[in-house]
Amino acid sequence: MQIVNLSELTETQIDQAITVFVEGLYQYMGASITKDKTKLHILFKAMLDPAQVIVAMQDCCAVGILGWGNRDSHAAKSCRKLLVQQLGLYGIGVHVGLNVSQPKLTRDDEGRVEYLAVCESMRGQGVGGKLINHLCSTLPYRSYMLETTEENTAAVRLYSKLGFVRSEKPSPLVRVAARMFGVGTPVNMRLERS
């Protein structure tokens, strides 16, 4: 398995990676953005920053994707015009949500795992762990934060195994939105590296 930046992939491989992203996160995006997978593909293909997305490749196929951010930038650059074009006026709300829902980082030496998805046929085979380990070994951050849901027990188990521990509670806005869309109970986790 090879880990590469999204920017290093062919157009076909990028589409595969975006499909892994949409399928893997559909439970959340389908509830809060749109149920139309084609629109989700269009939106995130345009909004994901190739410099802040890594992809696990096996036999020239994308099998996992991880988007990361820091104090100053996000893996998905919210594009209000595109969101409104694809979602109508609801796109304005999605634009606001994408800009304020991520856990806030307060230190320059913190990174954030914003998105992690693995294709269904590769789940449970260590792809997510390899993506996170690659991220932590190539970026200079001393601390990494992520958000998952209590109900996503496989993710909580993976992150705990990798050394992440539960940290501060998600913001009130995130908790309200999670209840409103029925996507689960949000949990923030943090990894401190020495």
N, C-alpha and C. Protein backbone atom coordinates (compact mmCIF):
# COMPACT_ATOMS: atom_id res chain seq x y z
N MET A 1 0.85 -1.18 0.00
CA MET A 1 0.00 0.00 0.00
C MET A 1 0.89 1.24 0.00
N GLN A 2 0.49 2.20 -0.79
CA GLN A 2 1.24 3.44 -0.92
C GLN A 2 0.35 4.60 -0.48
N ILE A 3 0.93 5.58 0.22
CA ILE A 3 0.21 6.79 0.64
C ILE A 3 0.75 7.95 -0.19
N VAL A 4 -0.14 8.65 -0.89
CA VAL A 4 0.26 9.76 -1.76
C VAL A 4 -0.67 10.94 -1.53
N ASN A 5 -0.23 12.12 -1.97
CA ASN A 5 -1.10 13.29 -1.94
C ASN A 5 -2.12 13.18 -3.07
N LEU A 6 -3.29 13.72 -2.82
CA LEU A 6 -4.34 13.72 -3.84
C LEU A 6 -3.84 14.35 -5.14
N SER A 7 -2.98 15.35 -5.03
CA SER A 7 -2.47 16.05 -6.21
C SER A 7 -1.61 15.17 -7.11
N GLU A 8 -1.13 14.04 -6.61
CA GLU A 8 -0.28 13.15 -7.40
C GLU A 8 -1.07 12.14 -8.23
N LEU A 9 -2.38 12.12 -8.11
CA LEU A 9 -3.20 11.11 -8.76
C LEU A 9 -3.67 11.53 -10.14
N THR A 10 -4.01 10.54 -10.96
CA THR A 10 -4.64 10.82 -12.24
C THR A 10 -6.09 11.24 -12.00
N GLU A 11 -6.73 11.76 -13.02
CA GLU A 11 -8.12 12.19 -12.90
C GLU A 11 -9.02 11.01 -12.49
N THR A 12 -8.78 9.85 -13.06
CA THR A 12 -9.56 8.65 -12.72
C THR A 12 -9.34 8.26 -11.26
N GLN A 13 -8.10 8.32 -10.80
CA GLN A 13 -7.81 7.98 -9.41
C GLN A 13 -8.39 9.01 -8.44
N ILE A 14 -8.39 10.27 -8.84
CA ILE A 14 -9.01 11.31 -8.01
C ILE A 14 -10.50 11.01 -7.86
N ASP A 15 -11.16 10.65 -8.97
CA ASP A 15 -12.57 10.31 -8.90
C ASP A 15 -12.80 9.10 -7.98
N GLN A 16 -11.89 8.11 -8.04
CA GLN A 16 -12.00 6.95 -7.13
C GLN A 16 -11.89 7.42 -5.68
N ALA A 17 -10.92 8.28 -5.40
CA ALA A 17 -10.70 8.77 -4.04
C ALA A 17 -11.92 9.56 -3.54
N ILE A 18 -12.50 10.38 -4.39
CA ILE A 18 -13.69 11.15 -4.01
C ILE A 18 -14.87 10.20 -3.78
N THR A 19 -14.96 9.15 -4.56
CA THR A 19 -16.02 8.15 -4.34
C THR A 19 -15.84 7.47 -2.99
N VAL A 20 -14.60 7.12 -2.63
CA VAL A 20 -14.33 6.54 -1.30
C VAL A 20 -14.76 7.53 -0.22
N PHE A 21 -14.43 8.79 -0.42
CA PHE A 21 -14.78 9.86 0.52
C PHE A 21 -16.31 9.94 0.70
N VAL A 22 -17.03 10.04 -0.42
CA VAL A 22 -18.49 10.20 -0.36
C VAL A 22 -19.14 8.96 0.24
N GLU A 23 -18.74 7.77 -0.21
CA GLU A 23 -19.34 6.54 0.31
C GLU A 23 -19.04 6.37 1.80
N GLY A 24 -17.80 6.65 2.19
CA GLY A 24 -17.39 6.46 3.57
C GLY A 24 -18.03 7.43 4.55
N LEU A 25 -18.33 8.63 4.08
CA LEU A 25 -18.89 9.66 4.96
C LEU A 25 -20.35 9.96 4.64
N TYR A 26 -20.96 9.11 3.82
CA TYR A 26 -22.33 9.39 3.36
C TYR A 26 -23.33 9.46 4.50
N GLN A 27 -23.17 8.65 5.50
CA GLN A 27 -24.10 8.67 6.64
C GLN A 27 -24.23 10.08 7.20
N TYR A 28 -23.12 10.80 7.26
CA TYR A 28 -23.11 12.15 7.82
C TYR A 28 -23.47 13.20 6.77
N MET A 29 -22.87 13.09 5.59
CA MET A 29 -23.12 14.09 4.56
C MET A 29 -24.52 13.96 3.97
N GLY A 30 -25.02 12.73 3.86
CA GLY A 30 -26.37 12.52 3.35
C GLY A 30 -27.42 13.09 4.28
N ALA A 31 -27.12 13.09 5.57
CA ALA A 31 -28.06 13.63 6.55
C ALA A 31 -27.97 15.16 6.65
N SER A 32 -26.78 15.72 6.43
CA SER A 32 -26.60 17.15 6.70
C SER A 32 -26.39 18.02 5.46
N ILE A 33 -25.99 17.43 4.34
CA ILE A 33 -25.73 18.25 3.14
C ILE A 33 -26.74 17.94 2.05
N THR A 34 -26.68 16.73 1.50
CA THR A 34 -27.64 16.28 0.49
C THR A 34 -27.55 14.77 0.37
N LYS A 35 -28.65 14.15 0.01
CA LYS A 35 -28.66 12.70 -0.20
C LYS A 35 -28.18 12.34 -1.61
N ASP A 36 -27.99 13.32 -2.45
CA ASP A 36 -27.58 13.11 -3.84
C ASP A 36 -26.06 12.90 -3.90
N LYS A 37 -25.65 11.65 -4.10
CA LYS A 37 -24.22 11.32 -4.11
C LYS A 37 -23.48 11.99 -5.26
N THR A 38 -24.15 12.19 -6.38
CA THR A 38 -23.51 12.88 -7.51
C THR A 38 -23.17 14.32 -7.13
N LYS A 39 -24.09 14.99 -6.46
CA LYS A 39 -23.81 16.37 -6.02
C LYS A 39 -22.69 16.40 -4.99
N LEU A 40 -22.70 15.45 -4.06
CA LEU A 40 -21.62 15.38 -3.07
C LEU A 40 -20.27 15.19 -3.77
N HIS A 41 -20.24 14.33 -4.77
CA HIS A 41 -19.00 14.08 -5.52
C HIS A 41 -18.52 15.38 -6.20
N ILE A 42 -19.43 16.06 -6.86
CA ILE A 42 -19.09 17.33 -7.53
C ILE A 42 -18.56 18.34 -6.52
N LEU A 43 -19.29 18.49 -5.41
CA LEU A 43 -18.91 19.47 -4.41
C LEU A 43 -17.53 19.21 -3.83
N PHE A 44 -17.32 17.98 -3.36
CA PHE A 44 -16.06 17.72 -2.67
C PHE A 44 -14.88 17.54 -3.62
N LYS A 45 -15.13 17.16 -4.85
CA LYS A 45 -14.03 17.12 -5.82
C LYS A 45 -13.52 18.55 -6.04
N ALA A 46 -14.43 19.50 -6.04
CA ALA A 46 -14.03 20.90 -6.24
C ALA A 46 -13.48 21.52 -4.96
N MET A 47 -13.98 21.10 -3.80
CA MET A 47 -13.63 21.80 -2.56
C MET A 47 -12.45 21.20 -1.80
N LEU A 48 -12.14 19.92 -1.99
CA LEU A 48 -11.01 19.35 -1.26
C LEU A 48 -9.70 19.94 -1.77
N ASP A 49 -8.87 20.36 -0.87
CA ASP A 49 -7.57 20.94 -1.21
C ASP A 49 -6.57 19.80 -1.40
N PRO A 50 -6.10 19.56 -2.62
CA PRO A 50 -5.18 18.44 -2.87
C PRO A 50 -3.92 18.47 -2.01
N ALA A 51 -3.53 19.65 -1.54
CA ALA A 51 -2.34 19.76 -0.69
C ALA A 51 -2.62 19.28 0.74
N GLN A 52 -3.89 19.14 1.10
CA GLN A 52 -4.24 18.74 2.46
C GLN A 52 -5.06 17.45 2.49
N VAL A 53 -4.87 16.64 1.47
CA VAL A 53 -5.56 15.35 1.40
C VAL A 53 -4.54 14.29 0.98
N ILE A 54 -4.51 13.19 1.74
CA ILE A 54 -3.67 12.06 1.38
C ILE A 54 -4.57 10.87 1.08
N VAL A 55 -4.06 9.99 0.21
CA VAL A 55 -4.86 8.87 -0.27
C VAL A 55 -4.05 7.58 -0.15
N ALA A 56 -4.69 6.53 0.34
CA ALA A 56 -4.08 5.21 0.36
C ALA A 56 -4.41 4.53 -0.96
N MET A 57 -3.37 4.06 -1.65
CA MET A 57 -3.52 3.41 -2.95
C MET A 57 -3.08 1.96 -2.84
N GLN A 58 -3.87 1.08 -3.42
CA GLN A 58 -3.48 -0.33 -3.51
C GLN A 58 -3.79 -0.80 -4.93
N ASP A 59 -2.79 -1.34 -5.58
CA ASP A 59 -2.94 -1.80 -6.98
C ASP A 59 -3.52 -0.69 -7.86
N CYS A 60 -3.00 0.51 -7.71
CA CYS A 60 -3.38 1.69 -8.49
C CYS A 60 -4.81 2.16 -8.25
N CYS A 61 -5.45 1.67 -7.19
CA CYS A 61 -6.82 2.07 -6.85
C CYS A 61 -6.84 2.76 -5.49
N ALA A 62 -7.64 3.81 -5.38
CA ALA A 62 -7.80 4.51 -4.11
C ALA A 62 -8.64 3.64 -3.17
N VAL A 63 -8.10 3.41 -1.97
CA VAL A 63 -8.83 2.59 -0.98
C VAL A 63 -9.08 3.34 0.32
N GLY A 64 -8.48 4.50 0.50
CA GLY A 64 -8.69 5.30 1.70
C GLY A 64 -8.31 6.74 1.43
N ILE A 65 -8.91 7.65 2.20
CA ILE A 65 -8.65 9.08 2.01
C ILE A 65 -8.70 9.78 3.36
N LEU A 66 -7.79 10.70 3.57
CA LEU A 66 -7.72 11.47 4.81
C LEU A 66 -7.48 12.93 4.46
N GLY A 67 -8.34 13.80 4.98
CA GLY A 67 -8.16 15.23 4.84
C GLY A 67 -7.74 15.81 6.18
N TRP A 68 -6.76 16.71 6.16
CA TRP A 68 -6.25 17.28 7.41
C TRP A 68 -6.27 18.80 7.34
N GLY A 69 -6.23 19.39 8.51
CA GLY A 69 -6.19 20.84 8.59
C GLY A 69 -5.31 21.27 9.74
N ASN A 70 -5.21 22.57 9.90
CA ASN A 70 -4.46 23.13 11.03
C ASN A 70 -5.20 24.38 11.51
N ARG A 71 -4.53 25.16 12.28
CA ARG A 71 -5.17 26.35 12.86
C ARG A 71 -5.68 27.31 11.79
N ASP A 72 -5.01 27.33 10.65
CA ASP A 72 -5.31 28.34 9.63
C ASP A 72 -6.04 27.83 8.40
N SER A 73 -6.12 26.52 8.21
CA SER A 73 -6.73 26.04 6.96
C SER A 73 -7.44 24.70 7.17
N HIS A 74 -8.34 24.41 6.24
CA HIS A 74 -9.13 23.19 6.27
C HIS A 74 -8.88 22.37 5.00
N ALA A 75 -9.15 21.08 5.09
CA ALA A 75 -9.01 20.20 3.93
C ALA A 75 -10.05 20.55 2.86
N ALA A 76 -11.23 20.97 3.29
CA ALA A 76 -12.28 21.37 2.34
C ALA A 76 -12.41 22.88 2.37
N LYS A 77 -12.15 23.48 1.24
CA LYS A 77 -12.28 24.94 1.11
C LYS A 77 -13.71 25.21 0.65
N SER A 78 -14.53 25.67 1.56
CA SER A 78 -15.95 25.89 1.26
C SER A 78 -16.12 26.95 0.18
N CYS A 79 -16.83 26.58 -0.87
CA CYS A 79 -17.07 27.49 -1.99
C CYS A 79 -18.56 27.83 -2.03
N ARG A 80 -18.89 29.00 -1.53
CA ARG A 80 -20.29 29.40 -1.39
C ARG A 80 -21.02 29.35 -2.74
N LYS A 81 -20.39 29.86 -3.78
CA LYS A 81 -21.04 29.91 -5.10
C LYS A 81 -21.38 28.50 -5.59
N LEU A 82 -20.44 27.57 -5.47
CA LEU A 82 -20.68 26.19 -5.91
C LEU A 82 -21.75 25.52 -5.05
N LEU A 83 -21.70 25.76 -3.75
CA LEU A 83 -22.70 25.18 -2.86
C LEU A 83 -24.11 25.67 -3.20
N VAL A 84 -24.24 26.96 -3.47
CA VAL A 84 -25.55 27.50 -3.84
C VAL A 84 -25.97 26.95 -5.20
N GLN A 85 -25.02 26.85 -6.12
CA GLN A 85 -25.33 26.30 -7.45
C GLN A 85 -25.86 24.87 -7.34
N GLN A 86 -25.27 24.05 -6.49
CA GLN A 86 -25.65 22.65 -6.37
C GLN A 86 -26.82 22.42 -5.41
N LEU A 87 -26.94 23.28 -4.38
CA LEU A 87 -27.92 23.02 -3.31
C LEU A 87 -28.96 24.11 -3.14
N GLY A 88 -28.91 25.14 -3.96
CA GLY A 88 -29.85 26.24 -3.79
C GLY A 88 -29.49 27.04 -2.54
N LEU A 89 -30.47 27.71 -1.97
CA LEU A 89 -30.21 28.56 -0.80
C LEU A 89 -29.70 27.75 0.39
N TYR A 90 -30.04 26.47 0.45
CA TYR A 90 -29.53 25.61 1.52
C TYR A 90 -28.00 25.59 1.52
N GLY A 91 -27.40 25.81 0.36
CA GLY A 91 -25.94 25.83 0.23
C GLY A 91 -25.29 26.89 1.10
N ILE A 92 -26.00 27.99 1.37
CA ILE A 92 -25.45 29.04 2.24
C ILE A 92 -25.28 28.48 3.65
N GLY A 93 -26.27 27.74 4.13
CA GLY A 93 -26.16 27.11 5.45
C GLY A 93 -25.04 26.09 5.52
N VAL A 94 -24.88 25.32 4.45
CA VAL A 94 -23.80 24.33 4.40
C VAL A 94 -22.46 25.05 4.42
N HIS A 95 -22.36 26.16 3.68
CA HIS A 95 -21.13 26.96 3.66
C HIS A 95 -20.77 27.42 5.07
N VAL A 96 -21.74 27.95 5.78
CA VAL A 96 -21.51 28.40 7.16
C VAL A 96 -21.11 27.20 8.02
N GLY A 97 -21.84 26.10 7.90
CA GLY A 97 -21.55 24.91 8.70
C GLY A 97 -20.14 24.38 8.47
N LEU A 98 -19.71 24.32 7.22
CA LEU A 98 -18.36 23.83 6.93
C LEU A 98 -17.29 24.74 7.53
N ASN A 99 -17.59 26.02 7.64
CA ASN A 99 -16.60 26.96 8.16
C ASN A 99 -16.56 27.04 9.68
N VAL A 100 -17.63 26.64 10.36
CA VAL A 100 -17.64 26.80 11.81
C VAL A 100 -17.72 25.48 12.58
N SER A 101 -17.95 24.36 11.89
CA SER A 101 -18.20 23.12 12.62
C SER A 101 -16.94 22.36 13.02
N GLN A 102 -15.83 22.64 12.40
CA GLN A 102 -14.61 21.91 12.73
C GLN A 102 -14.11 22.29 14.13
N PRO A 103 -13.55 21.33 14.86
CA PRO A 103 -12.98 21.67 16.18
C PRO A 103 -11.96 22.79 16.03
N LYS A 104 -12.03 23.74 16.93
CA LYS A 104 -11.13 24.89 16.87
C LYS A 104 -9.78 24.55 17.49
N LEU A 105 -8.74 24.85 16.78
CA LEU A 105 -7.39 24.63 17.29
C LEU A 105 -6.86 25.95 17.82
N THR A 106 -6.15 25.88 18.93
CA THR A 106 -5.68 27.10 19.57
C THR A 106 -4.17 27.26 19.51
N ARG A 107 -3.47 26.21 19.10
CA ARG A 107 -2.00 26.27 19.08
C ARG A 107 -1.49 26.07 17.66
N ASP A 108 -0.34 26.66 17.39
CA ASP A 108 0.29 26.51 16.08
C ASP A 108 0.83 25.10 15.86
N ASP A 109 1.06 24.35 16.94
CA ASP A 109 1.64 23.01 16.79
C ASP A 109 0.57 21.91 16.80
N GLU A 110 -0.69 22.29 16.49
CA GLU A 110 -1.78 21.33 16.42
C GLU A 110 -2.22 21.08 14.98
N GLY A 111 -2.49 19.84 14.69
CA GLY A 111 -3.10 19.46 13.42
C GLY A 111 -4.45 18.85 13.68
N ARG A 112 -5.21 18.67 12.63
CA ARG A 112 -6.56 18.14 12.78
C ARG A 112 -6.83 17.11 11.68
N VAL A 113 -7.32 15.96 12.06
CA VAL A 113 -7.82 14.98 11.10
C VAL A 113 -9.27 15.37 10.86
N GLU A 114 -9.56 15.87 9.66
CA GLU A 114 -10.91 16.37 9.39
C GLU A 114 -11.80 15.32 8.75
N TYR A 115 -11.24 14.52 7.87
CA TYR A 115 -12.02 13.50 7.18
C TYR A 115 -11.17 12.23 7.06
N LEU A 116 -11.78 11.11 7.32
CA LEU A 116 -11.13 9.82 7.11
C LEU A 116 -12.18 8.85 6.61
N ALA A 117 -11.93 8.25 5.47
CA ALA A 117 -12.85 7.28 4.90
C ALA A 117 -12.04 6.16 4.25
N VAL A 118 -12.55 4.95 4.38
CA VAL A 118 -11.92 3.77 3.78
C VAL A 118 -12.99 3.04 3.00
N CYS A 119 -12.63 2.54 1.80
CA CYS A 119 -13.63 1.83 1.01
C CYS A 119 -14.09 0.59 1.77
N GLU A 120 -15.33 0.23 1.57
CA GLU A 120 -15.96 -0.83 2.37
C GLU A 120 -15.18 -2.14 2.33
N SER A 121 -14.67 -2.50 1.17
CA SER A 121 -13.97 -3.79 1.04
C SER A 121 -12.63 -3.82 1.78
N MET A 122 -12.12 -2.66 2.19
CA MET A 122 -10.82 -2.59 2.86
C MET A 122 -10.92 -2.25 4.34
N ARG A 123 -12.13 -2.09 4.85
CA ARG A 123 -12.29 -1.74 6.26
C ARG A 123 -11.82 -2.89 7.14
N GLY A 124 -11.21 -2.52 8.26
CA GLY A 124 -10.70 -3.52 9.19
C GLY A 124 -9.35 -4.10 8.80
N GLN A 125 -8.72 -3.54 7.76
CA GLN A 125 -7.44 -4.05 7.27
C GLN A 125 -6.28 -3.09 7.52
N GLY A 126 -6.50 -2.09 8.38
CA GLY A 126 -5.42 -1.20 8.77
C GLY A 126 -5.20 0.02 7.90
N VAL A 127 -6.07 0.26 6.93
CA VAL A 127 -5.89 1.39 6.02
C VAL A 127 -5.99 2.72 6.78
N GLY A 128 -7.01 2.86 7.62
CA GLY A 128 -7.17 4.11 8.38
C GLY A 128 -5.99 4.38 9.28
N GLY A 129 -5.50 3.34 9.96
CA GLY A 129 -4.33 3.50 10.82
C GLY A 129 -3.10 3.91 10.04
N LYS A 130 -2.91 3.33 8.86
CA LYS A 130 -1.76 3.70 8.02
C LYS A 130 -1.84 5.15 7.58
N LEU A 131 -3.04 5.60 7.23
CA LEU A 131 -3.19 7.01 6.83
C LEU A 131 -2.87 7.94 7.99
N ILE A 132 -3.39 7.65 9.17
CA ILE A 132 -3.12 8.51 10.33
C ILE A 132 -1.65 8.45 10.71
N ASN A 133 -1.04 7.27 10.73
CA ASN A 133 0.38 7.16 11.05
C ASN A 133 1.24 7.92 10.04
N HIS A 134 0.88 7.83 8.78
CA HIS A 134 1.62 8.58 7.74
C HIS A 134 1.51 10.08 8.00
N LEU A 135 0.30 10.53 8.28
CA LEU A 135 0.09 11.96 8.56
C LEU A 135 0.95 12.41 9.74
N CYS A 136 0.90 11.65 10.82
CA CYS A 136 1.65 12.03 12.04
C CYS A 136 3.16 11.95 11.84
N SER A 137 3.61 11.11 10.94
CA SER A 137 5.06 10.99 10.73
C SER A 137 5.60 11.99 9.71
N THR A 138 4.71 12.63 8.94
CA THR A 138 5.20 13.56 7.92
C THR A 138 4.91 15.02 8.24
N LEU A 139 3.99 15.28 9.14
CA LEU A 139 3.69 16.67 9.51
C LEU A 139 4.34 17.00 10.85
N PRO A 140 4.63 18.26 11.10
CA PRO A 140 5.41 18.63 12.28
C PRO A 140 4.60 18.86 13.56
N TYR A 141 3.34 18.54 13.57
CA TYR A 141 2.51 18.89 14.72
C TYR A 141 2.77 17.99 15.92
N ARG A 142 2.66 18.57 17.12
CA ARG A 142 2.85 17.82 18.37
C ARG A 142 1.53 17.25 18.87
N SER A 143 0.43 17.78 18.37
CA SER A 143 -0.88 17.36 18.82
C SER A 143 -1.81 17.25 17.62
N TYR A 144 -2.66 16.23 17.62
CA TYR A 144 -3.65 16.05 16.56
C TYR A 144 -5.02 15.89 17.19
N MET A 145 -6.00 16.53 16.60
CA MET A 145 -7.37 16.47 17.10
C MET A 145 -8.26 15.90 16.00
N LEU A 146 -9.32 15.24 16.41
CA LEU A 146 -10.32 14.78 15.45
C LEU A 146 -11.67 14.71 16.14
N GLU A 147 -12.69 14.58 15.33
CA GLU A 147 -14.04 14.43 15.85
C GLU A 147 -14.67 13.22 15.20
N THR A 148 -15.32 12.40 15.99
CA THR A 148 -16.07 11.26 15.49
C THR A 148 -17.39 11.23 16.26
N THR A 149 -18.08 10.12 16.21
CA THR A 149 -19.30 9.99 16.98
C THR A 149 -19.20 8.79 17.90
N GLU A 150 -19.86 8.89 19.02
CA GLU A 150 -19.89 7.81 20.00
C GLU A 150 -20.39 6.51 19.36
N GLU A 151 -21.35 6.63 18.46
CA GLU A 151 -21.95 5.48 17.82
C GLU A 151 -21.03 4.80 16.81
N ASN A 152 -20.01 5.50 16.34
CA ASN A 152 -19.06 4.93 15.38
C ASN A 152 -17.98 4.18 16.18
N THR A 153 -18.36 3.05 16.73
CA THR A 153 -17.48 2.32 17.65
C THR A 153 -16.20 1.85 16.98
N ALA A 154 -16.26 1.51 15.70
CA ALA A 154 -15.04 1.08 15.00
C ALA A 154 -14.03 2.22 14.94
N ALA A 155 -14.51 3.44 14.68
CA ALA A 155 -13.61 4.60 14.62
C ALA A 155 -13.05 4.91 15.99
N VAL A 156 -13.91 4.92 17.01
CA VAL A 156 -13.43 5.21 18.37
C VAL A 156 -12.38 4.18 18.78
N ARG A 157 -12.62 2.92 18.45
CA ARG A 157 -11.66 1.86 18.77
C ARG A 157 -10.33 2.07 18.04
N LEU A 158 -10.40 2.40 16.74
CA LEU A 158 -9.18 2.65 15.96
C LEU A 158 -8.40 3.82 16.55
N TYR A 159 -9.07 4.94 16.79
CA TYR A 159 -8.38 6.12 17.29
C TYR A 159 -7.78 5.86 18.67
N SER A 160 -8.50 5.15 19.51
CA SER A 160 -7.97 4.81 20.84
C SER A 160 -6.73 3.94 20.71
N LYS A 161 -6.77 2.98 19.81
CA LYS A 161 -5.62 2.09 19.58
C LYS A 161 -4.40 2.88 19.11
N LEU A 162 -4.64 3.95 18.36
CA LEU A 162 -3.55 4.79 17.84
C LEU A 162 -3.05 5.81 18.87
N GLY A 163 -3.69 5.86 20.05
CA GLY A 163 -3.23 6.75 21.11
C GLY A 163 -4.08 7.99 21.32
N PHE A 164 -5.15 8.15 20.57
CA PHE A 164 -6.04 9.28 20.78
C PHE A 164 -6.85 9.05 22.05
N VAL A 165 -7.07 10.11 22.80
CA VAL A 165 -7.91 10.05 24.00
C VAL A 165 -9.01 11.10 23.88
N ARG A 166 -10.10 10.83 24.55
CA ARG A 166 -11.20 11.80 24.54
C ARG A 166 -10.72 13.10 25.16
N SER A 167 -11.13 14.20 24.55
CA SER A 167 -10.69 15.51 25.04
C SER A 167 -11.92 16.38 25.26
N GLU A 168 -11.75 17.68 25.08
CA GLU A 168 -12.82 18.63 25.36
C GLU A 168 -14.09 18.28 24.58
N LYS A 169 -15.21 18.72 25.10
CA LYS A 169 -16.50 18.45 24.45
C LYS A 169 -16.61 19.25 23.16
N PRO A 170 -17.31 18.70 22.19
CA PRO A 170 -17.57 19.46 20.96
C PRO A 170 -18.33 20.74 21.27
N SER A 171 -18.24 21.70 20.38
CA SER A 171 -18.92 22.98 20.58
C SER A 171 -20.43 22.77 20.65
N PRO A 172 -21.14 23.68 21.32
CA PRO A 172 -22.60 23.57 21.38
C PRO A 172 -23.24 23.53 19.99
N LEU A 173 -22.69 24.27 19.03
CA LEU A 173 -23.23 24.27 17.67
C LEU A 173 -23.13 22.88 17.06
N VAL A 174 -21.99 22.22 17.24
CA VAL A 174 -21.81 20.87 16.68
C VAL A 174 -22.78 19.90 17.35
N ARG A 175 -22.93 20.01 18.66
CA ARG A 175 -23.85 19.09 19.37
C ARG A 175 -25.29 19.30 18.91
N VAL A 176 -25.71 20.55 18.74
CA VAL A 176 -27.07 20.83 18.29
C VAL A 176 -27.26 20.31 16.86
N ALA A 177 -26.30 20.58 15.99
CA ALA A 177 -26.41 20.12 14.60
C ALA A 177 -26.46 18.59 14.53
N ALA A 178 -25.66 17.91 15.35
CA ALA A 178 -25.65 16.45 15.36
C ALA A 178 -27.02 15.91 15.78
N ARG A 179 -27.61 16.52 16.79
CA ARG A 179 -28.95 16.09 17.22
C ARG A 179 -29.97 16.38 16.11
N MET A 180 -29.88 17.56 15.53
CA MET A 180 -30.85 17.97 14.52
C MET A 180 -30.83 17.03 13.31
N PHE A 181 -29.63 16.63 12.88
CA PHE A 181 -29.51 15.77 11.71
C PHE A 181 -29.47 14.29 12.06
N GLY A 182 -29.43 13.96 13.34
CA GLY A 182 -29.46 12.56 13.75
C GLY A 182 -28.24 11.77 13.34
N VAL A 183 -27.06 12.39 13.39
CA VAL A 183 -25.84 11.70 12.94
C VAL A 183 -25.04 11.09 14.09
N GLY A 184 -25.51 11.23 15.31
CA GLY A 184 -24.81 10.62 16.43
C GLY A 184 -24.32 11.65 17.44
N THR A 185 -23.71 11.12 18.49
CA THR A 185 -23.20 11.95 19.58
C THR A 185 -21.74 12.29 19.30
N PRO A 186 -21.42 13.56 19.03
CA PRO A 186 -20.04 13.92 18.69
C PRO A 186 -19.07 13.72 19.85
N VAL A 187 -17.88 13.27 19.51
CA VAL A 187 -16.80 13.05 20.48
C VAL A 187 -15.52 13.64 19.89
N ASN A 188 -14.85 14.51 20.66
CA ASN A 188 -13.53 15.00 20.26
C ASN A 188 -12.46 14.11 20.87
N MET A 189 -11.45 13.81 20.08
CA MET A 189 -10.32 13.01 20.57
C MET A 189 -9.03 13.72 20.18
N ARG A 190 -8.00 13.50 21.00
CA ARG A 190 -6.72 14.18 20.78
C ARG A 190 -5.57 13.19 20.98
N LEU A 191 -4.54 13.37 20.16
CA LEU A 191 -3.30 12.61 20.27
C LEU A 191 -2.19 13.60 20.57
N GLU A 192 -1.50 13.40 21.69
CA GLU A 192 -0.34 14.24 22.04
C GLU A 192 0.91 13.44 21.74
N ARG A 193 1.80 14.03 20.95
CA ARG A 193 3.05 13.36 20.61
C ARG A 193 4.18 14.03 21.37
N SER A 194 5.16 13.23 21.75
CA SER A 194 6.29 13.80 22.51
C SER A 194 7.40 14.26 21.58
